[in-house]
Amino acid sequence: MSRVGKNPVVIPPEVKLEIKGDEVLVCGPKGKLIRRMHPSIKVEYQKDRVMFARTSDSQFHKALHGLSRALVANMVKGVTQGYQKTLEIQGVGYKAEMKGKNMNLSLGFSHPIFFVPPTGIELKLETPTKIIVCGIDKELVGLVADKIRSFYPPEPYQGKGIRYLGERVRRKAGKTAV
């Protein structure tokens, strides 16, 4: 048995879960999410918990067992609490500003970067150098945060760039004058 897959997912009373064939639909106070499950994973829903079972003990099915359970648990947490990632911008003159729901990033290039978030993602600015990415889909929040970070990843010599809050960047020594 998968150690993760054998644990049930407890469904809070404010969340509705429906299983239609191989699709799982989770509705909650923050929104709704749909995910298609692999056909070899059986999803069983009893009044306040969801259990998962696999068809065989192959390595592939064992991995899918734990993955499926984790995905549904993330969906339940997303529609009740939501997810967020915080990014910080470091560098002199580097900043972000909101233009409606879109973000304009000034990162030292010859042009500003205009970022339009996908549907289901909300961008907030705490300060001009602190970006908060919010949403109910954990995977999408991580992808958007990584996309914003990819515009100017932190560089090891001066530390400039966009990094996750609390991320440590290993610094390198620069050239020394002789």
N, C-alpha and C. Protein backbone atom coordinates (compact mmCIF):
# COMPACT_ATOMS: atom_id res chain seq x y z
N MET A 1 0.83 -1.19 0.00
CA MET A 1 0.00 0.00 0.00
C MET A 1 0.88 1.24 0.00
N SER A 2 0.47 2.23 -0.72
CA SER A 2 1.14 3.52 -0.69
C SER A 2 0.83 4.19 0.64
N ARG A 3 1.85 4.73 1.27
CA ARG A 3 1.62 5.36 2.57
C ARG A 3 0.75 6.60 2.44
N VAL A 4 0.90 7.32 1.34
CA VAL A 4 0.08 8.51 1.12
C VAL A 4 -1.29 8.10 0.60
N GLY A 5 -1.33 7.18 -0.34
CA GLY A 5 -2.58 6.80 -1.00
C GLY A 5 -3.58 6.12 -0.10
N LYS A 6 -3.12 5.44 0.95
CA LYS A 6 -4.07 4.73 1.80
C LYS A 6 -4.79 5.65 2.78
N ASN A 7 -4.28 6.86 3.00
CA ASN A 7 -4.93 7.80 3.90
C ASN A 7 -6.15 8.41 3.21
N PRO A 8 -7.27 8.52 3.91
CA PRO A 8 -8.45 9.15 3.29
C PRO A 8 -8.30 10.67 3.25
N VAL A 9 -9.00 11.28 2.32
CA VAL A 9 -9.09 12.75 2.26
C VAL A 9 -10.39 13.13 2.95
N VAL A 10 -10.29 13.89 4.03
CA VAL A 10 -11.48 14.31 4.77
C VAL A 10 -12.08 15.53 4.08
N ILE A 11 -13.38 15.47 3.81
CA ILE A 11 -14.08 16.53 3.11
C ILE A 11 -14.82 17.40 4.14
N PRO A 12 -14.48 18.69 4.24
CA PRO A 12 -15.20 19.57 5.18
C PRO A 12 -16.66 19.73 4.77
N PRO A 13 -17.53 20.14 5.71
CA PRO A 13 -18.96 20.25 5.37
C PRO A 13 -19.29 21.30 4.30
N GLU A 14 -18.46 22.34 4.15
CA GLU A 14 -18.77 23.38 3.16
C GLU A 14 -18.32 23.00 1.75
N VAL A 15 -17.70 21.83 1.58
CA VAL A 15 -17.19 21.39 0.28
C VAL A 15 -18.08 20.29 -0.28
N LYS A 16 -18.42 20.41 -1.57
CA LYS A 16 -19.17 19.37 -2.27
C LYS A 16 -18.23 18.66 -3.23
N LEU A 17 -18.26 17.34 -3.23
CA LEU A 17 -17.41 16.55 -4.12
C LEU A 17 -18.30 15.63 -4.95
N GLU A 18 -18.07 15.61 -6.26
CA GLU A 18 -18.82 14.73 -7.16
C GLU A 18 -17.84 13.93 -7.98
N ILE A 19 -18.19 12.68 -8.23
CA ILE A 19 -17.37 11.82 -9.08
C ILE A 19 -18.23 11.42 -10.27
N LYS A 20 -17.77 11.81 -11.48
CA LYS A 20 -18.48 11.49 -12.71
C LYS A 20 -17.51 10.72 -13.60
N GLY A 21 -17.63 9.41 -13.62
CA GLY A 21 -16.72 8.58 -14.41
C GLY A 21 -15.32 8.67 -13.83
N ASP A 22 -14.38 9.20 -14.62
CA ASP A 22 -13.02 9.35 -14.12
C ASP A 22 -12.69 10.81 -13.77
N GLU A 23 -13.71 11.67 -13.68
CA GLU A 23 -13.50 13.06 -13.31
C GLU A 23 -13.97 13.31 -11.88
N VAL A 24 -13.18 14.11 -11.16
CA VAL A 24 -13.53 14.50 -9.80
C VAL A 24 -13.79 16.00 -9.82
N LEU A 25 -14.97 16.42 -9.33
CA LEU A 25 -15.36 17.82 -9.28
C LEU A 25 -15.47 18.21 -7.81
N VAL A 26 -14.73 19.26 -7.43
CA VAL A 26 -14.74 19.76 -6.05
C VAL A 26 -15.22 21.20 -6.07
N CYS A 27 -16.30 21.49 -5.33
CA CYS A 27 -16.85 22.84 -5.22
C CYS A 27 -16.75 23.29 -3.78
N GLY A 28 -16.33 24.53 -3.59
CA GLY A 28 -16.20 25.08 -2.25
C GLY A 28 -16.48 26.56 -2.24
N PRO A 29 -16.22 27.23 -1.10
CA PRO A 29 -16.52 28.64 -1.01
C PRO A 29 -15.69 29.53 -1.94
N LYS A 30 -14.49 29.11 -2.32
CA LYS A 30 -13.63 29.92 -3.18
C LYS A 30 -13.79 29.63 -4.67
N GLY A 31 -14.44 28.52 -5.02
CA GLY A 31 -14.61 28.20 -6.43
C GLY A 31 -14.74 26.70 -6.64
N LYS A 32 -14.54 26.27 -7.90
CA LYS A 32 -14.62 24.84 -8.18
C LYS A 32 -13.46 24.41 -9.06
N LEU A 33 -13.04 23.16 -8.88
CA LEU A 33 -11.94 22.57 -9.63
C LEU A 33 -12.37 21.22 -10.17
N ILE A 34 -11.90 20.89 -11.36
CA ILE A 34 -12.18 19.59 -11.99
C ILE A 34 -10.85 18.96 -12.37
N ARG A 35 -10.71 17.67 -12.10
CA ARG A 35 -9.50 16.97 -12.50
C ARG A 35 -9.88 15.56 -12.95
N ARG A 36 -9.28 15.13 -14.04
CA ARG A 36 -9.49 13.78 -14.56
C ARG A 36 -8.47 12.85 -13.91
N MET A 37 -8.96 11.75 -13.35
CA MET A 37 -8.10 10.75 -12.71
C MET A 37 -7.74 9.65 -13.70
N HIS A 38 -6.63 9.01 -13.43
CA HIS A 38 -6.20 7.89 -14.27
C HIS A 38 -7.22 6.76 -14.13
N PRO A 39 -7.55 6.05 -15.22
CA PRO A 39 -8.58 5.00 -15.14
C PRO A 39 -8.22 3.83 -14.21
N SER A 40 -6.94 3.63 -13.92
CA SER A 40 -6.58 2.50 -13.06
C SER A 40 -6.70 2.84 -11.57
N ILE A 41 -7.05 4.06 -11.23
CA ILE A 41 -7.26 4.45 -9.83
C ILE A 41 -8.76 4.59 -9.59
N LYS A 42 -9.27 3.85 -8.63
CA LYS A 42 -10.70 3.89 -8.29
C LYS A 42 -10.91 4.86 -7.13
N VAL A 43 -11.84 5.78 -7.30
CA VAL A 43 -12.15 6.78 -6.28
C VAL A 43 -13.49 6.42 -5.65
N GLU A 44 -13.50 6.27 -4.32
CA GLU A 44 -14.73 5.93 -3.59
C GLU A 44 -15.05 7.06 -2.63
N TYR A 45 -16.29 7.54 -2.69
CA TYR A 45 -16.71 8.67 -1.85
C TYR A 45 -17.77 8.20 -0.86
N GLN A 46 -17.44 8.27 0.43
CA GLN A 46 -18.42 8.04 1.48
C GLN A 46 -18.63 9.38 2.17
N LYS A 47 -19.74 9.58 2.82
CA LYS A 47 -20.28 10.87 3.25
C LYS A 47 -19.29 11.99 3.54
N ASP A 48 -18.18 11.76 4.24
CA ASP A 48 -17.26 12.87 4.54
C ASP A 48 -15.81 12.54 4.24
N ARG A 49 -15.56 11.49 3.50
CA ARG A 49 -14.17 11.15 3.16
C ARG A 49 -14.09 10.46 1.80
N VAL A 50 -12.92 10.57 1.20
CA VAL A 50 -12.67 9.97 -0.11
C VAL A 50 -11.51 8.99 0.04
N MET A 51 -11.70 7.79 -0.48
CA MET A 51 -10.66 6.75 -0.44
C MET A 51 -10.25 6.42 -1.88
N PHE A 52 -9.01 5.99 -2.03
CA PHE A 52 -8.46 5.65 -3.34
C PHE A 52 -7.96 4.22 -3.33
N ALA A 53 -8.17 3.51 -4.46
CA ALA A 53 -7.69 2.14 -4.60
C ALA A 53 -7.06 1.98 -5.97
N ARG A 54 -6.05 1.12 -6.06
CA ARG A 54 -5.39 0.89 -7.35
C ARG A 54 -5.69 -0.52 -7.84
N THR A 55 -5.48 -0.75 -9.14
CA THR A 55 -5.83 -2.04 -9.73
C THR A 55 -4.73 -3.08 -9.59
N SER A 56 -3.47 -2.66 -9.47
CA SER A 56 -2.38 -3.64 -9.34
C SER A 56 -1.29 -3.07 -8.44
N ASP A 57 -0.29 -3.89 -8.17
CA ASP A 57 0.82 -3.47 -7.31
C ASP A 57 2.08 -3.12 -8.11
N SER A 58 1.91 -2.73 -9.37
CA SER A 58 3.09 -2.34 -10.15
C SER A 58 3.60 -0.99 -9.63
N GLN A 59 4.84 -0.69 -9.92
CA GLN A 59 5.45 0.55 -9.45
C GLN A 59 4.69 1.77 -9.98
N PHE A 60 4.25 1.70 -11.22
CA PHE A 60 3.51 2.79 -11.83
C PHE A 60 2.21 3.05 -11.09
N HIS A 61 1.46 1.99 -10.78
CA HIS A 61 0.19 2.16 -10.09
C HIS A 61 0.37 2.60 -8.65
N LYS A 62 1.45 2.17 -8.01
CA LYS A 62 1.74 2.63 -6.65
C LYS A 62 1.99 4.14 -6.65
N ALA A 63 2.73 4.62 -7.65
CA ALA A 63 3.01 6.05 -7.74
C ALA A 63 1.72 6.83 -8.02
N LEU A 64 0.88 6.31 -8.91
CA LEU A 64 -0.39 6.98 -9.22
C LEU A 64 -1.32 7.03 -8.02
N HIS A 65 -1.25 6.00 -7.17
CA HIS A 65 -2.12 5.91 -6.00
C HIS A 65 -1.88 7.11 -5.07
N GLY A 66 -0.64 7.34 -4.71
CA GLY A 66 -0.30 8.46 -3.83
C GLY A 66 -0.52 9.80 -4.51
N LEU A 67 -0.20 9.88 -5.81
CA LEU A 67 -0.38 11.12 -6.55
C LEU A 67 -1.84 11.52 -6.61
N SER A 68 -2.72 10.58 -6.90
CA SER A 68 -4.15 10.87 -7.02
C SER A 68 -4.70 11.39 -5.70
N ARG A 69 -4.31 10.77 -4.60
CA ARG A 69 -4.77 11.20 -3.29
C ARG A 69 -4.28 12.62 -3.00
N ALA A 70 -3.01 12.90 -3.30
CA ALA A 70 -2.45 14.23 -3.05
C ALA A 70 -3.12 15.29 -3.91
N LEU A 71 -3.44 14.97 -5.15
CA LEU A 71 -4.10 15.94 -6.03
C LEU A 71 -5.49 16.31 -5.53
N VAL A 72 -6.25 15.32 -5.07
CA VAL A 72 -7.59 15.61 -4.57
C VAL A 72 -7.50 16.37 -3.24
N ALA A 73 -6.54 16.03 -2.39
CA ALA A 73 -6.36 16.76 -1.13
C ALA A 73 -6.00 18.22 -1.41
N ASN A 74 -5.16 18.47 -2.42
CA ASN A 74 -4.82 19.84 -2.81
C ASN A 74 -6.03 20.59 -3.37
N MET A 75 -6.90 19.88 -4.09
CA MET A 75 -8.10 20.51 -4.62
C MET A 75 -9.03 20.94 -3.48
N VAL A 76 -9.18 20.07 -2.48
CA VAL A 76 -10.05 20.39 -1.33
C VAL A 76 -9.49 21.58 -0.56
N LYS A 77 -8.18 21.59 -0.33
CA LYS A 77 -7.57 22.71 0.38
C LYS A 77 -7.68 24.00 -0.44
N GLY A 78 -7.54 23.89 -1.75
CA GLY A 78 -7.61 25.06 -2.62
C GLY A 78 -8.96 25.73 -2.61
N VAL A 79 -10.05 24.95 -2.65
CA VAL A 79 -11.38 25.57 -2.68
C VAL A 79 -11.82 26.05 -1.31
N THR A 80 -11.14 25.65 -0.23
CA THR A 80 -11.49 26.15 1.09
C THR A 80 -10.58 27.30 1.53
N GLN A 81 -9.25 27.13 1.40
CA GLN A 81 -8.30 28.14 1.88
C GLN A 81 -7.63 28.90 0.74
N GLY A 82 -7.33 28.24 -0.35
CA GLY A 82 -6.60 28.85 -1.45
C GLY A 82 -5.10 28.71 -1.24
N TYR A 83 -4.35 29.07 -2.26
CA TYR A 83 -2.89 29.00 -2.22
C TYR A 83 -2.31 30.35 -2.59
N GLN A 84 -1.11 30.61 -2.09
CA GLN A 84 -0.41 31.83 -2.49
C GLN A 84 1.09 31.61 -2.43
N LYS A 85 1.79 32.30 -3.30
CA LYS A 85 3.25 32.32 -3.33
C LYS A 85 3.66 33.78 -3.37
N THR A 86 4.74 34.10 -2.65
CA THR A 86 5.23 35.47 -2.59
C THR A 86 6.59 35.54 -3.26
N LEU A 87 6.76 36.55 -4.10
CA LEU A 87 8.01 36.79 -4.81
C LEU A 87 8.55 38.15 -4.39
N GLU A 88 9.89 38.28 -4.30
CA GLU A 88 10.49 39.58 -4.02
C GLU A 88 11.39 39.96 -5.19
N ILE A 89 11.42 41.24 -5.49
CA ILE A 89 12.27 41.77 -6.54
C ILE A 89 13.42 42.50 -5.86
N GLN A 90 14.66 42.15 -6.24
CA GLN A 90 15.82 42.83 -5.67
C GLN A 90 16.64 43.43 -6.80
N GLY A 91 17.05 44.66 -6.59
CA GLY A 91 17.85 45.39 -7.58
C GLY A 91 17.44 46.85 -7.57
N VAL A 92 18.41 47.72 -7.77
CA VAL A 92 18.14 49.15 -7.74
C VAL A 92 17.26 49.52 -8.93
N GLY A 93 16.11 50.13 -8.66
CA GLY A 93 15.20 50.56 -9.72
C GLY A 93 14.29 49.47 -10.24
N TYR A 94 14.41 48.24 -9.74
CA TYR A 94 13.57 47.15 -10.19
C TYR A 94 12.27 47.20 -9.40
N LYS A 95 11.12 47.15 -10.11
CA LYS A 95 9.84 47.25 -9.43
C LYS A 95 8.74 46.67 -10.30
N ALA A 96 7.58 46.52 -9.68
CA ALA A 96 6.39 46.06 -10.38
C ALA A 96 5.27 47.03 -10.08
N GLU A 97 4.35 47.18 -11.02
CA GLU A 97 3.16 47.99 -10.78
C GLU A 97 1.98 47.34 -11.48
N MET A 98 0.81 47.52 -10.89
CA MET A 98 -0.40 46.92 -11.43
C MET A 98 -1.08 47.89 -12.40
N LYS A 99 -1.53 47.34 -13.53
CA LYS A 99 -2.33 48.08 -14.51
C LYS A 99 -3.63 47.29 -14.64
N GLY A 100 -4.60 47.59 -13.79
CA GLY A 100 -5.82 46.79 -13.74
C GLY A 100 -5.50 45.47 -13.07
N LYS A 101 -5.78 44.36 -13.77
CA LYS A 101 -5.43 43.04 -13.24
C LYS A 101 -4.08 42.56 -13.76
N ASN A 102 -3.48 43.31 -14.67
CA ASN A 102 -2.21 42.94 -15.28
C ASN A 102 -1.06 43.60 -14.54
N MET A 103 0.15 43.08 -14.75
CA MET A 103 1.31 43.58 -14.05
C MET A 103 2.36 44.08 -15.04
N ASN A 104 2.98 45.21 -14.72
CA ASN A 104 4.03 45.80 -15.51
C ASN A 104 5.32 45.71 -14.70
N LEU A 105 6.31 44.99 -15.19
CA LEU A 105 7.56 44.77 -14.48
C LEU A 105 8.68 45.59 -15.10
N SER A 106 9.38 46.37 -14.29
CA SER A 106 10.57 47.11 -14.73
C SER A 106 11.78 46.41 -14.11
N LEU A 107 12.54 45.69 -14.94
CA LEU A 107 13.62 44.85 -14.43
C LEU A 107 14.98 45.19 -15.03
N GLY A 108 15.16 46.43 -15.45
CA GLY A 108 16.45 46.84 -15.97
C GLY A 108 16.67 46.55 -17.44
N PHE A 109 15.67 46.02 -18.12
CA PHE A 109 15.79 45.81 -19.56
C PHE A 109 15.46 47.10 -20.28
N SER A 110 15.63 47.13 -21.59
CA SER A 110 15.33 48.32 -22.37
C SER A 110 13.82 48.53 -22.52
N HIS A 111 13.03 47.54 -22.11
CA HIS A 111 11.59 47.61 -22.24
C HIS A 111 10.94 47.04 -20.98
N PRO A 112 9.76 47.52 -20.61
CA PRO A 112 9.06 46.90 -19.48
C PRO A 112 8.43 45.58 -19.92
N ILE A 113 8.21 44.69 -18.98
CA ILE A 113 7.58 43.40 -19.25
C ILE A 113 6.15 43.49 -18.77
N PHE A 114 5.20 43.25 -19.67
CA PHE A 114 3.78 43.31 -19.34
C PHE A 114 3.28 41.88 -19.18
N PHE A 115 2.82 41.51 -17.98
CA PHE A 115 2.39 40.15 -17.69
C PHE A 115 0.88 40.11 -17.46
N VAL A 116 0.20 39.26 -18.22
CA VAL A 116 -1.25 39.05 -18.09
C VAL A 116 -1.46 37.70 -17.41
N PRO A 117 -2.03 37.69 -16.20
CA PRO A 117 -2.21 36.41 -15.50
C PRO A 117 -3.33 35.58 -16.13
N PRO A 118 -3.21 34.25 -16.06
CA PRO A 118 -4.29 33.41 -16.58
C PRO A 118 -5.54 33.51 -15.70
N THR A 119 -6.67 33.03 -16.21
CA THR A 119 -7.89 33.07 -15.42
C THR A 119 -7.74 32.17 -14.20
N GLY A 120 -8.26 32.62 -13.07
CA GLY A 120 -8.15 31.86 -11.83
C GLY A 120 -6.97 32.29 -10.98
N ILE A 121 -6.16 33.22 -11.47
CA ILE A 121 -5.00 33.71 -10.72
C ILE A 121 -5.18 35.20 -10.45
N GLU A 122 -4.89 35.60 -9.22
CA GLU A 122 -4.96 36.99 -8.84
C GLU A 122 -3.56 37.44 -8.40
N LEU A 123 -3.11 38.55 -8.93
CA LEU A 123 -1.82 39.12 -8.57
C LEU A 123 -2.05 40.33 -7.67
N LYS A 124 -1.27 40.42 -6.59
CA LYS A 124 -1.35 41.55 -5.66
C LYS A 124 0.05 42.08 -5.44
N LEU A 125 0.14 43.37 -5.17
CA LEU A 125 1.41 43.99 -4.80
C LEU A 125 1.32 44.47 -3.37
N GLU A 126 2.16 43.92 -2.50
CA GLU A 126 2.23 44.39 -1.13
C GLU A 126 3.05 45.67 -1.08
N THR A 127 4.18 45.65 -1.75
CA THR A 127 5.02 46.83 -1.98
C THR A 127 5.42 46.76 -3.45
N PRO A 128 6.08 47.79 -3.99
CA PRO A 128 6.49 47.70 -5.40
C PRO A 128 7.50 46.58 -5.67
N THR A 129 8.08 46.00 -4.62
CA THR A 129 9.05 44.92 -4.81
C THR A 129 8.58 43.59 -4.24
N LYS A 130 7.33 43.48 -3.86
CA LYS A 130 6.80 42.22 -3.31
C LYS A 130 5.52 41.85 -4.03
N ILE A 131 5.54 40.71 -4.75
CA ILE A 131 4.42 40.24 -5.55
C ILE A 131 3.81 39.03 -4.88
N ILE A 132 2.48 39.02 -4.76
CA ILE A 132 1.77 37.87 -4.20
C ILE A 132 0.90 37.27 -5.29
N VAL A 133 1.09 35.97 -5.55
CA VAL A 133 0.32 35.24 -6.55
C VAL A 133 -0.68 34.37 -5.79
N CYS A 134 -1.99 34.58 -6.01
CA CYS A 134 -3.04 33.86 -5.28
C CYS A 134 -3.93 33.10 -6.26
N GLY A 135 -4.47 31.96 -5.78
CA GLY A 135 -5.41 31.19 -6.58
C GLY A 135 -5.85 29.95 -5.84
N ILE A 136 -6.78 29.19 -6.45
CA ILE A 136 -7.27 27.98 -5.79
C ILE A 136 -6.60 26.72 -6.33
N ASP A 137 -5.93 26.81 -7.47
CA ASP A 137 -5.26 25.66 -8.07
C ASP A 137 -3.77 25.73 -7.73
N LYS A 138 -3.30 24.80 -6.89
CA LYS A 138 -1.91 24.82 -6.43
C LYS A 138 -0.93 24.75 -7.59
N GLU A 139 -1.22 23.92 -8.56
CA GLU A 139 -0.33 23.75 -9.71
C GLU A 139 -0.23 25.04 -10.51
N LEU A 140 -1.34 25.69 -10.75
CA LEU A 140 -1.35 26.92 -11.55
C LEU A 140 -0.67 28.07 -10.81
N VAL A 141 -0.86 28.16 -9.50
CA VAL A 141 -0.19 29.20 -8.70
C VAL A 141 1.32 29.03 -8.80
N GLY A 142 1.80 27.80 -8.69
CA GLY A 142 3.24 27.55 -8.80
C GLY A 142 3.78 27.85 -10.18
N LEU A 143 3.02 27.50 -11.23
CA LEU A 143 3.46 27.77 -12.60
C LEU A 143 3.55 29.26 -12.89
N VAL A 144 2.57 30.03 -12.41
CA VAL A 144 2.57 31.48 -12.65
C VAL A 144 3.72 32.13 -11.88
N ALA A 145 3.92 31.72 -10.63
CA ALA A 145 5.03 32.27 -9.84
C ALA A 145 6.37 31.96 -10.51
N ASP A 146 6.50 30.75 -11.05
CA ASP A 146 7.74 30.38 -11.73
C ASP A 146 7.91 31.16 -13.03
N LYS A 147 6.82 31.43 -13.73
CA LYS A 147 6.89 32.21 -14.98
C LYS A 147 7.36 33.64 -14.68
N ILE A 148 6.82 34.25 -13.62
CA ILE A 148 7.25 35.60 -13.25
C ILE A 148 8.72 35.58 -12.85
N ARG A 149 9.13 34.57 -12.09
CA ARG A 149 10.53 34.46 -11.66
C ARG A 149 11.46 34.28 -12.85
N SER A 150 10.98 33.61 -13.91
CA SER A 150 11.83 33.33 -15.07
C SER A 150 12.17 34.58 -15.88
N PHE A 151 11.44 35.69 -15.68
CA PHE A 151 11.77 36.92 -16.40
C PHE A 151 13.15 37.45 -16.02
N TYR A 152 13.56 37.26 -14.76
CA TYR A 152 14.88 37.68 -14.31
C TYR A 152 15.23 36.87 -13.06
N PRO A 153 15.70 35.62 -13.23
CA PRO A 153 16.05 34.82 -12.05
C PRO A 153 17.20 35.46 -11.29
N PRO A 154 17.33 35.21 -10.00
CA PRO A 154 18.40 35.86 -9.23
C PRO A 154 19.76 35.41 -9.74
N GLU A 155 20.65 36.39 -9.91
CA GLU A 155 21.99 36.05 -10.40
C GLU A 155 22.95 36.01 -9.21
N PRO A 156 24.00 35.19 -9.29
CA PRO A 156 24.83 34.91 -8.11
C PRO A 156 25.87 35.97 -7.77
N TYR A 157 26.12 36.95 -8.64
CA TYR A 157 27.19 37.90 -8.36
C TYR A 157 26.70 39.11 -7.58
N GLN A 158 25.60 39.73 -8.00
CA GLN A 158 25.09 40.89 -7.30
C GLN A 158 23.78 40.61 -6.57
N GLY A 159 23.13 39.47 -6.85
CA GLY A 159 21.89 39.10 -6.18
C GLY A 159 20.65 39.74 -6.77
N LYS A 160 20.79 40.41 -7.91
CA LYS A 160 19.64 41.06 -8.54
C LYS A 160 18.70 39.99 -9.10
N GLY A 161 17.43 40.35 -9.19
CA GLY A 161 16.47 39.47 -9.83
C GLY A 161 15.23 39.25 -9.01
N ILE A 162 14.40 38.31 -9.47
CA ILE A 162 13.16 37.96 -8.80
C ILE A 162 13.37 36.61 -8.12
N ARG A 163 13.05 36.55 -6.82
CA ARG A 163 13.21 35.31 -6.07
C ARG A 163 11.98 35.07 -5.21
N TYR A 164 11.81 33.82 -4.80
CA TYR A 164 10.74 33.49 -3.86
C TYR A 164 11.07 34.09 -2.51
N LEU A 165 10.05 34.41 -1.72
CA LEU A 165 10.27 34.95 -0.39
C LEU A 165 11.00 33.91 0.46
N GLY A 166 12.12 34.29 1.01
CA GLY A 166 12.90 33.38 1.83
C GLY A 166 13.90 32.52 1.06
N GLU A 167 13.93 32.63 -0.26
CA GLU A 167 14.87 31.84 -1.06
C GLU A 167 16.29 32.36 -0.85
N ARG A 168 17.20 31.45 -0.65
CA ARG A 168 18.59 31.83 -0.46
C ARG A 168 19.35 31.62 -1.76
N VAL A 169 20.05 32.63 -2.18
CA VAL A 169 20.84 32.56 -3.42
C VAL A 169 22.31 32.52 -3.03
N ARG A 170 23.01 31.48 -3.47
CA ARG A 170 24.43 31.38 -3.18
C ARG A 170 25.17 32.43 -3.98
N ARG A 171 25.91 33.25 -3.28
CA ARG A 171 26.64 34.34 -3.93
C ARG A 171 28.03 33.87 -4.28
N LYS A 172 28.54 34.39 -5.39
CA LYS A 172 29.90 34.10 -5.83
C LYS A 172 30.75 35.34 -5.69
N ALA A 173 32.02 35.14 -5.49
CA ALA A 173 32.94 36.28 -5.44
C ALA A 173 33.23 36.74 -6.86
N GLY A 174 33.25 38.03 -7.06
CA GLY A 174 33.53 38.58 -8.38
C GLY A 174 35.03 38.63 -8.64
N LYS A 175 35.41 39.26 -9.73
CA LYS A 175 36.82 39.40 -10.06
C LYS A 175 37.50 40.31 -9.04
N THR A 176 38.73 40.01 -8.74
CA THR A 176 39.48 40.89 -7.85
C THR A 176 40.47 41.69 -8.69
N ALA A 177 40.63 42.95 -8.33
CA ALA A 177 41.57 43.81 -9.04
C ALA A 177 42.99 43.45 -8.63
N VAL A 178 43.86 43.38 -9.61
CA VAL A 178 45.27 43.01 -9.34
C VAL A 178 46.14 44.23 -9.34
